[in-house]
C-alpha atoms as a PDB file:
ATOM      1  CA  UNK A   1       2.698 -38.334  87.886  1.00  0.00           C
ATOM      2  CA  UNK A   2       2.090 -37.037  84.005  1.00  0.00           C
ATOM      3  CA  UNK A   3       5.173 -35.428  82.927  1.00  0.00           C
ATOM      4  CA  UNK A   4       5.375 -31.596  81.412  1.00  0.00           C
ATOM      5  CA  UNK A   5       5.954 -32.933  78.018  1.00  0.00           C
ATOM      6  CA  UNK A   6       3.049 -35.461  77.713  1.00  0.00           C
ATOM      7  CA  UNK A   7       0.961 -32.437  78.721  1.00  0.00           C
ATOM      8  CA  UNK A   8       2.256 -30.119  76.595  1.00  0.00           C
ATOM      9  CA  UNK A   9       1.655 -32.718  73.696  1.00  0.00           C
ATOM     10  CA  UNK A  10      -1.797 -33.368  74.516  1.00  0.00           C
ATOM     11  CA  UNK A  11      -2.586 -29.614  74.526  1.00  0.00           C
ATOM     12  CA  UNK A  12      -0.974 -29.268  71.147  1.00  0.00           C
ATOM     13  CA  UNK A  13      -3.251 -32.060  70.224  1.00  0.00           C
ATOM     14  CA  UNK A  14      -6.374 -30.274  71.301  1.00  0.00           C
ATOM     15  CA  UNK A  15      -5.199 -27.386  69.521  1.00  0.00           C
ATOM     16  CA  UNK A  16      -4.292 -28.949  65.854  1.00  0.00           C
ATOM     17  CA  UNK A  17      -7.313 -31.684  65.748  1.00  0.00           C
ATOM     18  CA  UNK A  18      -9.866 -30.829  68.674  1.00  0.00           C
ATOM     19  CA  UNK A  19     -10.558 -27.700  68.466  1.00  0.00           C
ATOM     20  CA  UNK A  20     -11.050 -27.195  64.407  1.00  0.00           C
ATOM     21  CA  UNK A  21     -13.209 -30.436  64.680  1.00  0.00           C
ATOM     22  CA  UNK A  22     -15.362 -28.150  67.236  1.00  0.00           C
ATOM     23  CA  UNK A  23     -14.942 -25.297  65.039  1.00  0.00           C
ATOM     24  CA  UNK A  24     -16.161 -27.313  61.539  1.00  0.00           C
ATOM     25  CA  UNK A  25     -18.828 -28.753  63.529  1.00  0.00           C
ATOM     26  CA  UNK A  26     -20.513 -26.032  64.551  1.00  0.00           C
ATOM     27  CA  UNK A  27     -20.291 -24.386  61.422  1.00  0.00           C
ATOM     28  CA  UNK A  28     -21.523 -27.676  59.987  1.00  0.00           C
ATOM     29  CA  UNK A  29     -24.862 -26.717  61.827  1.00  0.00           C
ATOM     30  CA  UNK A  30     -25.057 -23.162  61.444  1.00  0.00           C
ATOM     31  CA  UNK A  31     -24.230 -23.047  57.829  1.00  0.00           C
ATOM     32  CA  UNK A  32     -27.066 -25.505  56.633  1.00  0.00           C
ATOM     33  CA  UNK A  33     -29.079 -22.864  54.815  1.00  0.00           C
ATOM     34  CA  UNK A  34     -25.937 -21.252  52.804  1.00  0.00           C
ATOM     35  CA  UNK A  35     -25.157 -23.898  50.649  1.00  0.00           C
ATOM     36  CA  UNK A  36     -22.087 -21.986  48.909  1.00  0.00           C
ATOM     37  CA  UNK A  37     -20.361 -21.235  52.501  1.00  0.00           C
ATOM     38  CA  UNK A  38     -21.514 -25.174  53.445  1.00  0.00           C
ATOM     39  CA  UNK A  39     -19.629 -26.127  50.510  1.00  0.00           C
ATOM     40  CA  UNK A  40     -16.626 -24.141  50.947  1.00  0.00           C
ATOM     41  CA  UNK A  41     -16.868 -25.183  54.801  1.00  0.00           C
ATOM     42  CA  UNK A  42     -15.979 -28.772  53.492  1.00  0.00           C
ATOM     43  CA  UNK A  43     -13.197 -27.912  51.224  1.00  0.00           C
ATOM     44  CA  UNK A  44     -11.068 -25.582  53.767  1.00  0.00           C
ATOM     45  CA  UNK A  45     -11.579 -28.204  56.581  1.00  0.00           C
ATOM     46  CA  UNK A  46     -10.535 -31.212  54.393  1.00  0.00           C
ATOM     47  CA  UNK A  47      -7.702 -28.999  52.952  1.00  0.00           C
ATOM     48  CA  UNK A  48      -6.573 -28.358  56.443  1.00  0.00           C
ATOM     49  CA  UNK A  49      -6.997 -31.851  57.582  1.00  0.00           C
ATOM     50  CA  UNK A  50      -5.442 -33.208  54.626  1.00  0.00           C
ATOM     51  CA  UNK A  51      -2.202 -30.623  55.497  1.00  0.00           C
ATOM     52  CA  UNK A  52      -2.036 -32.279  58.681  1.00  0.00           C
ATOM     53  CA  UNK A  53      -2.759 -35.829  57.751  1.00  0.00           C
ATOM     54  CA  UNK A  54       0.558 -34.962  55.099  1.00  0.00           C
ATOM     55  CA  UNK A  55       2.806 -32.911  58.033  1.00  0.00           C
ATOM     56  CA  UNK A  56       1.991 -35.449  60.330  1.00  0.00           C
ATOM     57  CA  UNK A  57       4.059 -38.381  57.531  1.00  0.00           C
ATOM     58  CA  UNK A  58       6.489 -35.867  56.607  1.00  0.00           C
ATOM     59  CA  UNK A  59       7.306 -35.927  60.892  1.00  0.00           C
ATOM     60  CA  UNK A  60       7.348 -39.454  61.066  1.00  0.00           C
ATOM     61  CA  UNK A  61       9.286 -40.610  57.988  1.00  0.00           C
ATOM     62  CA  UNK A  62      11.973 -37.528  58.956  1.00  0.00           C
ATOM     63  CA  UNK A  63      12.042 -38.598  62.398  1.00  0.00           C
END
């Protein structure tokens, strides 16, 4: 049986990484005709992923 802690970790992972990635790819397809919005989407997603990566490294170093 899968423990509740593992299920919670999977849900948190989905909320932090998978859902924004799905939104990014959907926006990538829809924003292609709008170059400025397309570039803004890349910058926002890149900043988001960099901040998540930095936070993960901080948590790993502190733990």
